[in-house]
Each structure stands twice: as structure tokens, then as C-alpha cells.
């Protein structure tokens, strides 16, 4: 295309937009970011965006809704949850690793070929290719610095954040003493160090990350409250409800009912 057919539009699904060729400016929620061949952008529901094309451009757009997220399951890591958690923090391309840029380029070529040449098991093939792109996007997003991190922060803070995310379901491993021991930092110094690097307390970060994941479970899964309590290391339903209500002002059931009501209105 040589012009953007949809401008300042808002959708209620997710989009991964890959730039096959061309360049220009991508405008997301009023923020302008230059784009080039090989870039890939993530758009979450209710983002408003458009493209200002500087030449003829070619894009591959992968759209998926909340039903896809419910079906998306991995044994080792919640790649899609990682994407969703950081979606609101990302302005530019989600591909920051050169090797991954090359891999996504090949995957997109294969995806185009699978779409163009219909054959047996094509739907399964397309799903696997899309999932591979999601995994690569997830691991690129995981190494990006969150907004609150100082530009002068050192590499160790990113390792600490990775450790917290990997062990978010293990409360014993997220105690100050356990984290300090893991990284060879004094427990009394860890809090000061984390606040200086991230502009928030370590407990605030852990709570916010855990809350966001619980929100995703309530929104995108059918897990019951006692199952969520077990998954995130709470003693029982009462414990997780008190924790959630303290941060969100609603019980887990109340939050889920509100989300489903709003989803019904959107549809």
C-alpha cells in the first residue's frame, strides 16, 4: 500500500504488525515512532494507531482475540502473558535482537507461503508459525528495560527483575533474604538499590507483577479462586482475595464479573 487505509482506529483485539518492506512513521496513542523494514509492533486492545507511509510499504498483520489467549498454553513460560504485561510500555519495535529479526523474517516468509498455497494441515501449520513469532516477541520484550528503570542502571537489576518474574509463583523465593542471597547483596542494601534503579520499592514491583498476572488469569482463563491461590502460593482463597482487594478494591469474583460484563458490552 502507498497510504494507510485505516487511520486513528481502535480495535478490541491484539495485533502484531510486521514491516516486510518500506519505512515511515507509526503513530500509537499519539506517540510517533519511525519504522523500517524488519520492525514488528505490538498493539493491544483499545490502542489507537495509524501509519504515515513515506513510500510503498508491505505489512504482515497477525490479529488474535481473547479466545486465542485462553487456548494458548505453554509448559515452561507464559510467553503471551509476558507480552500482555509489557504491552502498554512498548512504543517501538518489539524486535531488538538481530538474530531474532532474521528468524522472524524467515517465519514471515513461511507464513506468507502457507497462506498463499493452501494444503493439508494448513491451519495447524499457520498456528505453529504464529506461535513461534509470539515466543520470539516475548523473549525480546523480556530483555527490554521497563519504563521506571533509570537509564544509568546496571545489568544486575535486569537479572533481578528476570528472577522475580521467573519465581513469581514461589513466595519463599521472593523474600528479601532469598533475593539478596541469590545476587550476593546485603538484605538491608537490596531495598535501597532496587528503589534507586527502578524508582519503586521491590515489594511494590513484586505485588504489581503478581496482580497483573492474576488479572490475566481472571480475564483469560476459567481457573477458580482456589486454583489461583494454589498457583501463586497463597495460603487459601481468603488470603488471595484480601491481597487482590487491597490493590484493586474488588474481590477476584467481583473483578471477573466486571470484566465479563464489559466484554459482553464490547461484543
C-alpha atoms as a PDB file:
ATOM      1  CA  UNK A   1       0.000   0.000   0.000  1.00  0.00           C
ATOM      2  CA  UNK A   2       1.052   3.615  -0.526  1.00  0.00           C
ATOM      3  CA  UNK A   3      -1.305   5.095   2.048  1.00  0.00           C
ATOM      4  CA  UNK A   4      -2.837   3.969   5.337  1.00  0.00           C
ATOM      5  CA  UNK A   5      -6.458   2.851   4.717  1.00  0.00           C
ATOM      6  CA  UNK A   6      -7.397   2.949   8.404  1.00  0.00           C
ATOM      7  CA  UNK A   7      -6.418   5.985  10.438  1.00  0.00           C
ATOM      8  CA  UNK A   8      -6.767   6.533  14.180  1.00  0.00           C
ATOM      9  CA  UNK A   9      -8.776   3.339  14.509  1.00  0.00           C
ATOM     10  CA  UNK A  10      -9.383   1.408  17.732  1.00  0.00           C
ATOM     11  CA  UNK A  11      -9.943  -2.361  17.838  1.00  0.00           C
ATOM     12  CA  UNK A  12     -10.793  -4.832  20.597  1.00  0.00           C
ATOM     13  CA  UNK A  13      -8.197  -7.433  19.598  1.00  0.00           C
ATOM     14  CA  UNK A  14      -4.405  -7.751  19.605  1.00  0.00           C
ATOM     15  CA  UNK A  15      -2.227  -7.127  16.564  1.00  0.00           C
ATOM     16  CA  UNK A  16       1.352  -7.988  15.687  1.00  0.00           C
ATOM     17  CA  UNK A  17       2.302  -5.855  12.683  1.00  0.00           C
ATOM     18  CA  UNK A  18       5.478  -6.845  10.803  1.00  0.00           C
ATOM     19  CA  UNK A  19       7.052  -4.463   8.284  1.00  0.00           C
ATOM     20  CA  UNK A  20       8.001  -6.560   5.245  1.00  0.00           C
ATOM     21  CA  UNK A  21       9.268  -3.535   3.322  1.00  0.00           C
ATOM     22  CA  UNK A  22       9.171   0.250   3.383  1.00  0.00           C
ATOM     23  CA  UNK A  23       9.535   2.954   6.015  1.00  0.00           C
ATOM     24  CA  UNK A  24       7.607   5.782   7.622  1.00  0.00           C
ATOM     25  CA  UNK A  25       6.142   6.781  10.972  1.00  0.00           C
ATOM     26  CA  UNK A  26       3.875   4.677  13.190  1.00  0.00           C
ATOM     27  CA  UNK A  27       1.540   6.693  15.430  1.00  0.00           C
ATOM     28  CA  UNK A  28       0.270   4.846  18.517  1.00  0.00           C
ATOM     29  CA  UNK A  29      -1.961   6.659  21.000  1.00  0.00           C
ATOM     30  CA  UNK A  30      -0.496   9.955  19.820  1.00  0.00           C
ATOM     31  CA  UNK A  31       3.157   8.810  20.083  1.00  0.00           C
ATOM     32  CA  UNK A  32       5.183   8.848  16.849  1.00  0.00           C
ATOM     33  CA  UNK A  33       7.852   6.204  16.168  1.00  0.00           C
ATOM     34  CA  UNK A  34       9.844   5.790  12.947  1.00  0.00           C
ATOM     35  CA  UNK A  35       9.633   2.321  11.403  1.00  0.00           C
ATOM     36  CA  UNK A  36      11.758   0.435   8.867  1.00  0.00           C
ATOM     37  CA  UNK A  37      11.860  -2.941   7.144  1.00  0.00           C
ATOM     38  CA  UNK A  38      12.086  -5.765   9.703  1.00  0.00           C
ATOM     39  CA  UNK A  39      10.385  -3.923  12.573  1.00  0.00           C
ATOM     40  CA  UNK A  40       7.441  -5.504  14.368  1.00  0.00           C
ATOM     41  CA  UNK A  41       4.903  -3.691  16.557  1.00  0.00           C
ATOM     42  CA  UNK A  42       2.521  -4.958  19.212  1.00  0.00           C
ATOM     43  CA  UNK A  43      -0.886  -3.341  19.583  1.00  0.00           C
ATOM     44  CA  UNK A  44      -3.178  -4.158  22.484  1.00  0.00           C
ATOM     45  CA  UNK A  45      -6.986  -3.801  22.528  1.00  0.00           C
ATOM     46  CA  UNK A  46      -8.152  -0.175  22.540  1.00  0.00           C
ATOM     47  CA  UNK A  47      -4.827   1.183  21.274  1.00  0.00           C
ATOM     48  CA  UNK A  48      -5.377   3.816  18.583  1.00  0.00           C
ATOM     49  CA  UNK A  49      -2.900   3.794  15.731  1.00  0.00           C
ATOM     50  CA  UNK A  50      -2.136   4.687  12.137  1.00  0.00           C
ATOM     51  CA  UNK A  51       0.799   4.711   9.707  1.00  0.00           C
ATOM     52  CA  UNK A  52       2.305   7.666   7.846  1.00  0.00           C
ATOM     53  CA  UNK A  53       3.947   5.958   4.872  1.00  0.00           C
ATOM     54  CA  UNK A  54       6.986   7.550   3.225  1.00  0.00           C
ATOM     55  CA  UNK A  55       6.914   5.092   0.319  1.00  0.00           C
ATOM     56  CA  UNK A  56       5.110   1.977  -0.863  1.00  0.00           C
ATOM     57  CA  UNK A  57       5.082  -0.373   2.143  1.00  0.00           C
ATOM     58  CA  UNK A  58       4.194  -4.015   2.709  1.00  0.00           C
ATOM     59  CA  UNK A  59       2.978  -5.355   6.061  1.00  0.00           C
ATOM     60  CA  UNK A  60       2.048  -8.706   7.583  1.00  0.00           C
ATOM     61  CA  UNK A  61      -0.662  -8.293  10.228  1.00  0.00           C
ATOM     62  CA  UNK A  62      -1.431 -11.054  12.736  1.00  0.00           C
ATOM     63  CA  UNK A  63      -4.613 -10.445  14.689  1.00  0.00           C
ATOM     64  CA  UNK A  64      -5.760 -12.532  17.655  1.00  0.00           C
ATOM     65  CA  UNK A  65      -8.522 -12.090  20.193  1.00  0.00           C
ATOM     66  CA  UNK A  66      -9.052 -13.048  23.807  1.00  0.00           C
ATOM     67  CA  UNK A  67     -10.360 -16.507  22.854  1.00  0.00           C
ATOM     68  CA  UNK A  68      -6.940 -17.285  21.342  1.00  0.00           C
ATOM     69  CA  UNK A  69      -5.253 -16.257  24.581  1.00  0.00           C
ATOM     70  CA  UNK A  70      -7.468 -18.639  26.544  1.00  0.00           C
ATOM     71  CA  UNK A  71      -6.351 -21.512  24.303  1.00  0.00           C
ATOM     72  CA  UNK A  72      -2.675 -20.507  24.321  1.00  0.00           C
ATOM     73  CA  UNK A  73      -0.778 -22.661  26.848  1.00  0.00           C
ATOM     74  CA  UNK A  74       2.893 -23.472  27.383  1.00  0.00           C
ATOM     75  CA  UNK A  75       4.533 -25.674  29.978  1.00  0.00           C
ATOM     76  CA  UNK A  76       7.669 -23.656  30.629  1.00  0.00           C
ATOM     77  CA  UNK A  77       6.843 -19.944  30.453  1.00  0.00           C
ATOM     78  CA  UNK A  78       3.826 -17.734  29.853  1.00  0.00           C
ATOM     79  CA  UNK A  79       5.153 -16.024  26.722  1.00  0.00           C
ATOM     80  CA  UNK A  80       1.868 -14.392  25.860  1.00  0.00           C
ATOM     81  CA  UNK A  81       1.369 -13.115  29.413  1.00  0.00           C
ATOM     82  CA  UNK A  82       4.813 -11.553  29.173  1.00  0.00           C
ATOM     83  CA  UNK A  83       3.721  -9.714  26.037  1.00  0.00           C
ATOM     84  CA  UNK A  84       0.470  -8.589  27.623  1.00  0.00           C
ATOM     85  CA  UNK A  85       2.199  -7.396  30.792  1.00  0.00           C
ATOM     86  CA  UNK A  86       4.577  -5.136  28.883  1.00  0.00           C
ATOM     87  CA  UNK A  87       2.215  -4.166  26.044  1.00  0.00           C
ATOM     88  CA  UNK A  88       1.418  -0.747  27.481  1.00  0.00           C
ATOM     89  CA  UNK A  89       5.151   0.051  27.944  1.00  0.00           C
ATOM     90  CA  UNK A  90       6.217  -0.546  24.339  1.00  0.00           C
ATOM     91  CA  UNK A  91       6.347   2.248  21.785  1.00  0.00           C
ATOM     92  CA  UNK A  92       8.801   0.998  19.159  1.00  0.00           C
ATOM     93  CA  UNK A  93       9.593  -2.312  17.522  1.00  0.00           C
ATOM     94  CA  UNK A  94       9.454  -5.365  19.783  1.00  0.00           C
ATOM     95  CA  UNK A  95      12.398  -6.944  17.918  1.00  0.00           C
ATOM     96  CA  UNK A  96      15.653  -5.785  19.496  1.00  0.00           C
ATOM     97  CA  UNK A  97      17.827  -8.875  18.891  1.00  0.00           C
ATOM     98  CA  UNK A  98      19.443  -9.037  15.427  1.00  0.00           C
ATOM     99  CA  UNK A  99      19.354 -12.842  15.231  1.00  0.00           C
ATOM    100  CA  UNK A 100      15.669 -12.822  16.177  1.00  0.00           C
ATOM    101  CA  UNK A 101      14.968 -10.222  13.488  1.00  0.00           C
ATOM    102  CA  UNK A 102      16.403 -12.640  10.933  1.00  0.00           C
ATOM    103  CA  UNK A 103      14.403 -15.532  12.369  1.00  0.00           C
ATOM    104  CA  UNK A 104      11.126 -13.591  12.283  1.00  0.00           C
ATOM    105  CA  UNK A 105      11.861 -12.580   8.690  1.00  0.00           C
ATOM    106  CA  UNK A 106      12.107 -16.267   7.722  1.00  0.00           C
ATOM    107  CA  UNK A 107       8.982 -17.148   9.729  1.00  0.00           C
ATOM    108  CA  UNK A 108       7.027 -14.401   7.982  1.00  0.00           C
ATOM    109  CA  UNK A 109       8.186 -15.693   4.591  1.00  0.00           C
ATOM    110  CA  UNK A 110       6.995 -19.165   5.563  1.00  0.00           C
ATOM    111  CA  UNK A 111       3.722 -17.739   6.859  1.00  0.00           C
ATOM    112  CA  UNK A 112       3.102 -15.930   3.564  1.00  0.00           C
ATOM    113  CA  UNK A 113       3.841 -19.119   1.651  1.00  0.00           C
ATOM    114  CA  UNK A 114       1.485 -21.171   3.845  1.00  0.00           C
ATOM    115  CA  UNK A 115      -1.305 -18.646   3.311  1.00  0.00           C
ATOM    116  CA  UNK A 116      -0.720 -18.442  -0.452  1.00  0.00           C
ATOM    117  CA  UNK A 117      -0.548 -22.202  -1.044  1.00  0.00           C
ATOM    118  CA  UNK A 118      -3.382 -23.945   0.763  1.00  0.00           C
ATOM    119  CA  UNK A 119      -2.675 -27.580   1.558  1.00  0.00           C
ATOM    120  CA  UNK A 120      -3.367 -30.282   4.136  1.00  0.00           C
ATOM    121  CA  UNK A 121      -2.979 -29.278   7.795  1.00  0.00           C
ATOM    122  CA  UNK A 122      -2.515 -25.646   6.739  1.00  0.00           C
ATOM    123  CA  UNK A 123      -4.377 -24.277   9.753  1.00  0.00           C
ATOM    124  CA  UNK A 124      -2.122 -26.188  12.156  1.00  0.00           C
ATOM    125  CA  UNK A 125       0.979 -25.018  10.274  1.00  0.00           C
ATOM    126  CA  UNK A 126      -0.099 -21.378  10.395  1.00  0.00           C
ATOM    127  CA  UNK A 127      -0.858 -21.644  14.109  1.00  0.00           C
ATOM    128  CA  UNK A 128       2.628 -23.044  14.825  1.00  0.00           C
ATOM    129  CA  UNK A 129       4.295 -20.293  12.785  1.00  0.00           C
ATOM    130  CA  UNK A 130       2.300 -17.593  14.578  1.00  0.00           C
ATOM    131  CA  UNK A 131       3.115 -19.146  17.962  1.00  0.00           C
ATOM    132  CA  UNK A 132       6.815 -19.094  17.077  1.00  0.00           C
ATOM    133  CA  UNK A 133       6.591 -15.364  16.303  1.00  0.00           C
ATOM    134  CA  UNK A 134       4.838 -14.781  19.639  1.00  0.00           C
ATOM    135  CA  UNK A 135       7.589 -16.645  21.527  1.00  0.00           C
ATOM    136  CA  UNK A 136      10.306 -14.591  19.829  1.00  0.00           C
ATOM    137  CA  UNK A 137       8.448 -11.357  20.536  1.00  0.00           C
ATOM    138  CA  UNK A 138       8.061 -12.430  24.166  1.00  0.00           C
ATOM    139  CA  UNK A 139      11.745 -13.060  24.734  1.00  0.00           C
ATOM    140  CA  UNK A 140      12.689  -9.748  23.092  1.00  0.00           C
ATOM    141  CA  UNK A 141      10.240  -7.872  25.286  1.00  0.00           C
ATOM    142  CA  UNK A 142      11.601  -9.675  28.353  1.00  0.00           C
ATOM    143  CA  UNK A 143      15.041  -8.064  27.921  1.00  0.00           C
ATOM    144  CA  UNK A 144      13.683  -4.539  27.423  1.00  0.00           C
ATOM    145  CA  UNK A 145      14.067  -2.132  30.326  1.00  0.00           C
ATOM    146  CA  UNK A 146      10.753  -1.243  31.992  1.00  0.00           C
ATOM    147  CA  UNK A 147       9.839   2.457  31.896  1.00  0.00           C
ATOM    148  CA  UNK A 148      10.738   3.086  35.520  1.00  0.00           C
ATOM    149  CA  UNK A 149      14.334   1.895  35.244  1.00  0.00           C
ATOM    150  CA  UNK A 150      16.980   4.579  35.229  1.00  0.00           C
ATOM    151  CA  UNK A 151      18.993   5.000  32.028  1.00  0.00           C
ATOM    152  CA  UNK A 152      22.097   4.674  34.220  1.00  0.00           C
ATOM    153  CA  UNK A 153      21.025   1.350  35.758  1.00  0.00           C
ATOM    154  CA  UNK A 154      23.437  -1.571  35.680  1.00  0.00           C
ATOM    155  CA  UNK A 155      22.888  -5.035  34.224  1.00  0.00           C
ATOM    156  CA  UNK A 156      22.300  -6.689  37.596  1.00  0.00           C
ATOM    157  CA  UNK A 157      18.898  -5.038  38.068  1.00  0.00           C
ATOM    158  CA  UNK A 158      17.621  -6.693  34.874  1.00  0.00           C
ATOM    159  CA  UNK A 159      18.800 -10.039  36.244  1.00  0.00           C
ATOM    160  CA  UNK A 160      16.886  -9.345  39.465  1.00  0.00           C
ATOM    161  CA  UNK A 161      13.735  -8.481  37.504  1.00  0.00           C
ATOM    162  CA  UNK A 162      14.084 -11.694  35.481  1.00  0.00           C
ATOM    163  CA  UNK A 163      14.490 -13.657  38.720  1.00  0.00           C
ATOM    164  CA  UNK A 164      11.337 -12.093  40.190  1.00  0.00           C
ATOM    165  CA  UNK A 165       9.309 -12.834  37.069  1.00  0.00           C
ATOM    166  CA  UNK A 166      10.531 -16.430  36.858  1.00  0.00           C
ATOM    167  CA  UNK A 167       9.711 -17.077  40.533  1.00  0.00           C
ATOM    168  CA  UNK A 168       6.535 -15.014  40.881  1.00  0.00           C
ATOM    169  CA  UNK A 169       4.608 -18.158  41.915  1.00  0.00           C
ATOM    170  CA  UNK A 170       7.145 -19.039  44.638  1.00  0.00           C
ATOM    171  CA  UNK A 171       6.709 -16.623  47.603  1.00  0.00           C
ATOM    172  CA  UNK A 172       9.590 -18.182  49.546  1.00  0.00           C
ATOM    173  CA  UNK A 173      11.990 -17.366  46.717  1.00  0.00           C
ATOM    174  CA  UNK A 174      10.797 -13.748  46.626  1.00  0.00           C
ATOM    175  CA  UNK A 175      11.634 -12.917  50.228  1.00  0.00           C
ATOM    176  CA  UNK A 176      14.184 -10.134  50.560  1.00  0.00           C
ATOM    177  CA  UNK A 177      16.667 -12.512  52.158  1.00  0.00           C
ATOM    178  CA  UNK A 178      16.304 -15.041  49.309  1.00  0.00           C
ATOM    179  CA  UNK A 179      16.756 -12.442  46.557  1.00  0.00           C
ATOM    180  CA  UNK A 180      19.691 -10.837  48.374  1.00  0.00           C
ATOM    181  CA  UNK A 181      21.374 -14.211  48.805  1.00  0.00           C
ATOM    182  CA  UNK A 182      20.805 -15.096  45.134  1.00  0.00           C
ATOM    183  CA  UNK A 183      22.603 -11.960  43.939  1.00  0.00           C
ATOM    184  CA  UNK A 184      25.160 -11.513  46.708  1.00  0.00           C
ATOM    185  CA  UNK A 185      23.626  -8.283  48.017  1.00  0.00           C
ATOM    186  CA  UNK A 186      23.077  -7.331  51.643  1.00  0.00           C
ATOM    187  CA  UNK A 187      19.361  -7.629  52.536  1.00  0.00           C
ATOM    188  CA  UNK A 188      19.455  -4.141  54.050  1.00  0.00           C
ATOM    189  CA  UNK A 189      21.027  -2.702  50.885  1.00  0.00           C
ATOM    190  CA  UNK A 190      18.758  -4.527  48.399  1.00  0.00           C
ATOM    191  CA  UNK A 191      15.752  -2.289  49.070  1.00  0.00           C
ATOM    192  CA  UNK A 192      17.763   0.910  48.593  1.00  0.00           C
ATOM    193  CA  UNK A 193      19.451  -0.457  45.470  1.00  0.00           C
ATOM    194  CA  UNK A 194      16.153  -1.547  43.872  1.00  0.00           C
ATOM    195  CA  UNK A 195      14.410   1.766  44.583  1.00  0.00           C
ATOM    196  CA  UNK A 196      17.322   3.727  43.128  1.00  0.00           C
ATOM    197  CA  UNK A 197      17.384   1.599  39.978  1.00  0.00           C
ATOM    198  CA  UNK A 198      13.603   1.246  39.393  1.00  0.00           C
ATOM    199  CA  UNK A 199      12.064   4.248  41.165  1.00  0.00           C
ATOM    200  CA  UNK A 200       9.788   1.987  43.241  1.00  0.00           C
ATOM    201  CA  UNK A 201      10.162  -0.457  46.112  1.00  0.00           C
ATOM    202  CA  UNK A 202      10.905  -4.086  45.408  1.00  0.00           C
ATOM    203  CA  UNK A 203       7.744  -5.165  47.252  1.00  0.00           C
ATOM    204  CA  UNK A 204       5.670  -2.774  45.144  1.00  0.00           C
ATOM    205  CA  UNK A 205       7.142  -4.254  41.955  1.00  0.00           C
ATOM    206  CA  UNK A 206       6.516  -7.835  43.088  1.00  0.00           C
ATOM    207  CA  UNK A 207       2.935  -7.057  44.113  1.00  0.00           C
ATOM    208  CA  UNK A 208       2.182  -5.186  40.879  1.00  0.00           C
ATOM    209  CA  UNK A 209       3.571  -8.002  38.736  1.00  0.00           C
ATOM    210  CA  UNK A 210       1.648 -10.658  40.675  1.00  0.00           C
ATOM    211  CA  UNK A 211      -1.577  -8.604  40.480  1.00  0.00           C
ATOM    212  CA  UNK A 212      -1.191  -8.199  36.706  1.00  0.00           C
ATOM    213  CA  UNK A 213      -0.773 -11.953  36.216  1.00  0.00           C
ATOM    214  CA  UNK A 214      -3.782 -12.701  38.421  1.00  0.00           C
ATOM    215  CA  UNK A 215      -5.787 -10.207  36.362  1.00  0.00           C
ATOM    216  CA  UNK A 216      -4.801 -12.087  33.210  1.00  0.00           C
ATOM    217  CA  UNK A 217      -5.893 -15.372  34.763  1.00  0.00           C
ATOM    218  CA  UNK A 218      -9.271 -13.885  35.684  1.00  0.00           C
ATOM    219  CA  UNK A 219      -9.680 -12.377  32.236  1.00  0.00           C
ATOM    220  CA  UNK A 220      -8.342 -15.120  30.005  1.00  0.00           C
ATOM    221  CA  UNK A 221      -8.857 -18.388  31.925  1.00  0.00           C
ATOM    222  CA  UNK A 222     -11.615 -20.255  33.730  1.00  0.00           C
ATOM    223  CA  UNK A 223      -9.490 -21.092  36.772  1.00  0.00           C
ATOM    224  CA  UNK A 224     -11.319 -20.982  40.086  1.00  0.00           C
ATOM    225  CA  UNK A 225     -10.197 -18.845  43.021  1.00  0.00           C
ATOM    226  CA  UNK A 226      -8.731 -21.775  44.968  1.00  0.00           C
ATOM    227  CA  UNK A 227      -6.740 -22.793  41.871  1.00  0.00           C
ATOM    228  CA  UNK A 228      -5.306 -19.279  41.580  1.00  0.00           C
ATOM    229  CA  UNK A 229      -4.454 -19.319  45.297  1.00  0.00           C
ATOM    230  CA  UNK A 230      -2.511 -22.565  44.801  1.00  0.00           C
ATOM    231  CA  UNK A 231      -0.792 -21.328  41.653  1.00  0.00           C
ATOM    232  CA  UNK A 232       0.514 -18.106  43.191  1.00  0.00           C
ATOM    233  CA  UNK A 233       1.447 -19.529  46.580  1.00  0.00           C
ATOM    234  CA  UNK A 234      -1.330 -18.087  48.754  1.00  0.00           C
ATOM    235  CA  UNK A 235      -2.482 -19.984  51.833  1.00  0.00           C
ATOM    236  CA  UNK A 236      -6.140 -20.107  50.750  1.00  0.00           C
ATOM    237  CA  UNK A 237      -8.934 -18.243  48.923  1.00  0.00           C
ATOM    238  CA  UNK A 238      -9.321 -15.727  51.738  1.00  0.00           C
ATOM    239  CA  UNK A 239      -5.619 -14.828  51.585  1.00  0.00           C
ATOM    240  CA  UNK A 240      -5.563 -14.176  47.819  1.00  0.00           C
ATOM    241  CA  UNK A 241      -8.861 -12.272  47.976  1.00  0.00           C
ATOM    242  CA  UNK A 242      -7.532  -9.949  50.700  1.00  0.00           C
ATOM    243  CA  UNK A 243      -4.345  -9.356  48.697  1.00  0.00           C
ATOM    244  CA  UNK A 244      -6.251  -8.658  45.472  1.00  0.00           C
ATOM    245  CA  UNK A 245      -8.905  -6.458  47.104  1.00  0.00           C
ATOM    246  CA  UNK A 246      -6.240  -4.376  48.852  1.00  0.00           C
ATOM    247  CA  UNK A 247      -4.761  -3.471  45.453  1.00  0.00           C
ATOM    248  CA  UNK A 248      -7.813  -3.462  43.168  1.00  0.00           C
ATOM    249  CA  UNK A 249     -10.730  -2.710  45.506  1.00  0.00           C
ATOM    250  CA  UNK A 250     -12.629  -5.806  44.301  1.00  0.00           C
ATOM    251  CA  UNK A 251     -12.702  -9.493  45.148  1.00  0.00           C
ATOM    252  CA  UNK A 252     -11.469 -11.862  42.446  1.00  0.00           C
ATOM    253  CA  UNK A 253     -15.044 -12.903  41.668  1.00  0.00           C
ATOM    254  CA  UNK A 254     -16.163  -9.285  41.523  1.00  0.00           C
ATOM    255  CA  UNK A 255     -13.330  -8.370  39.161  1.00  0.00           C
ATOM    256  CA  UNK A 256     -14.065 -11.330  36.875  1.00  0.00           C
ATOM    257  CA  UNK A 257     -17.780 -10.475  36.751  1.00  0.00           C
ATOM    258  CA  UNK A 258     -16.979  -6.853  35.887  1.00  0.00           C
ATOM    259  CA  UNK A 259     -14.555  -7.902  33.109  1.00  0.00           C
ATOM    260  CA  UNK A 260     -17.031 -10.346  31.587  1.00  0.00           C
ATOM    261  CA  UNK A 261     -19.791  -7.727  31.720  1.00  0.00           C
ATOM    262  CA  UNK A 262     -17.590  -5.217  29.887  1.00  0.00           C
ATOM    263  CA  UNK A 263     -16.555  -7.841  27.335  1.00  0.00           C
ATOM    264  CA  UNK A 264     -20.222  -8.536  26.681  1.00  0.00           C
ATOM    265  CA  UNK A 265     -20.848  -4.831  26.083  1.00  0.00           C
ATOM    266  CA  UNK A 266     -17.878  -4.606  23.676  1.00  0.00           C
ATOM    267  CA  UNK A 267     -19.125  -7.523  21.613  1.00  0.00           C
END
